[in-house]
Amino acid sequence: MAILQVRDIDDRLYSSLKEKAQKENRSISQEVISILEYYLANPDRIKKNPTREFLNLLWEDDKNADEIVQEIHRSRKNKRNLGKFDGLFN
């Protein structure tokens, strides 16, 4: 059987892992194996990271920033809700 050693684990992560292992009546090693087995057996059940998903989006537009800002200004229906602002919001 293979041996896996992990170093430099954040203290908070280790504490969380230790608590979870205790709740499940497992050693920390057994808990890590259980988590890895679950993750690898159920990749679709694991929530995707919203930040990573957002950053993976591609923005495809030939307009420059000024054109985009002008388009936003034209699309606003009720500019009075924004109050008096200088720059981008007026």
Protein backbone atom coordinates (compact mmCIF):
# COMPACT_ATOMS: atom_id res chain seq x y z
CA MET A 1 0.00 0.00 0.00
CA ALA A 2 1.28 3.48 -0.87
CA ILE A 3 2.17 6.11 1.70
CA LEU A 4 1.20 9.75 1.23
CA GLN A 5 2.73 12.47 3.36
CA VAL A 6 1.39 16.03 3.32
CA ARG A 7 3.37 18.91 4.78
CA ASP A 8 2.71 22.54 5.65
CA ILE A 9 -1.03 22.22 6.26
CA ASP A 10 -2.65 25.41 7.52
CA ASP A 11 -3.44 25.11 11.24
CA ARG A 12 -7.12 25.95 10.71
CA LEU A 13 -7.46 23.33 8.00
CA TYR A 14 -5.79 20.74 10.20
CA SER A 15 -8.09 21.61 13.13
CA SER A 16 -11.16 21.29 10.91
CA LEU A 17 -9.93 17.98 9.59
CA LYS A 18 -9.23 16.75 13.11
CA GLU A 19 -12.72 17.76 14.31
CA LYS A 20 -14.37 16.05 11.36
CA ALA A 21 -12.33 12.89 11.96
CA GLN A 22 -13.35 12.84 15.62
CA LYS A 23 -17.04 13.25 14.72
CA GLU A 24 -16.76 10.29 12.35
CA ASN A 25 -14.73 8.21 14.84
CA ARG A 26 -11.81 8.01 12.44
CA SER A 27 -8.15 8.83 12.56
CA ILE A 28 -7.05 11.87 10.61
CA SER A 29 -5.48 9.59 7.99
CA GLN A 30 -8.70 7.60 7.64
CA GLU A 31 -10.67 10.83 7.29
CA VAL A 32 -8.37 12.13 4.56
CA ILE A 33 -8.75 8.84 2.67
CA SER A 34 -12.53 9.00 3.09
CA ILE A 35 -12.66 12.57 1.74
CA LEU A 36 -10.43 11.71 -1.22
CA GLU A 37 -12.45 8.58 -2.05
CA TYR A 38 -15.71 10.54 -1.94
CA TYR A 39 -14.33 13.36 -4.05
CA LEU A 40 -12.84 11.08 -6.69
CA ALA A 41 -15.95 8.89 -6.86
CA ASN A 42 -18.36 11.86 -7.10
CA PRO A 43 -16.74 14.68 -9.06
CA ASP A 44 -20.11 16.04 -10.23
CA ARG A 45 -21.45 16.32 -6.68
CA ILE A 46 -18.66 18.61 -5.53
CA LYS A 47 -19.68 22.26 -5.74
CA LYS A 48 -17.83 24.27 -8.28
CA ASN A 49 -15.91 27.28 -7.04
CA PRO A 50 -17.99 30.29 -8.14
CA THR A 51 -14.95 32.56 -8.26
CA ARG A 52 -13.04 30.17 -10.47
CA GLU A 53 -16.08 29.70 -12.71
CA PHE A 54 -16.45 33.48 -13.05
CA LEU A 55 -12.78 33.95 -13.88
CA ASN A 56 -13.04 31.28 -16.57
CA LEU A 57 -15.70 33.24 -18.43
CA LEU A 58 -14.50 34.81 -21.64
CA TRP A 59 -15.45 38.36 -22.59
CA GLU A 60 -15.73 38.71 -26.31
CA ASP A 61 -16.44 42.25 -27.49
CA ASP A 62 -14.78 44.46 -30.07
CA LYS A 63 -15.76 47.67 -28.25
CA ASN A 64 -13.28 49.63 -26.20
CA ALA A 65 -13.99 50.69 -22.61
CA ASP A 66 -15.38 54.12 -23.58
CA GLU A 67 -17.84 52.57 -26.03
CA ILE A 68 -19.02 50.09 -23.40
CA VAL A 69 -19.54 52.89 -20.85
CA GLN A 70 -21.51 54.93 -23.40
CA GLU A 71 -23.68 51.91 -24.16
CA ILE A 72 -24.39 51.44 -20.44
CA HIS A 73 -25.35 55.12 -20.14
CA ARG A 74 -27.72 54.88 -23.11
CA SER A 75 -29.36 51.73 -21.74
CA ARG A 76 -30.31 53.29 -18.40
CA LYS A 77 -34.00 54.11 -18.14
CA ASN A 78 -34.09 56.10 -14.90
CA LYS A 79 -30.86 57.99 -14.26
CA ARG A 80 -32.36 59.97 -11.35
CA ASN A 81 -32.14 56.91 -9.05
CA LEU A 82 -28.38 57.18 -9.09
CA GLY A 83 -28.23 60.69 -7.60
CA LYS A 84 -25.44 63.07 -8.52
CA PHE A 85 -22.18 61.33 -9.31
CA ASP A 86 -19.18 62.35 -11.31
CA GLY A 87 -17.49 60.17 -13.86
CA LEU A 88 -18.88 56.74 -14.68
CA PHE A 89 -22.26 57.17 -12.97
CA ASN A 90 -23.50 60.50 -14.36
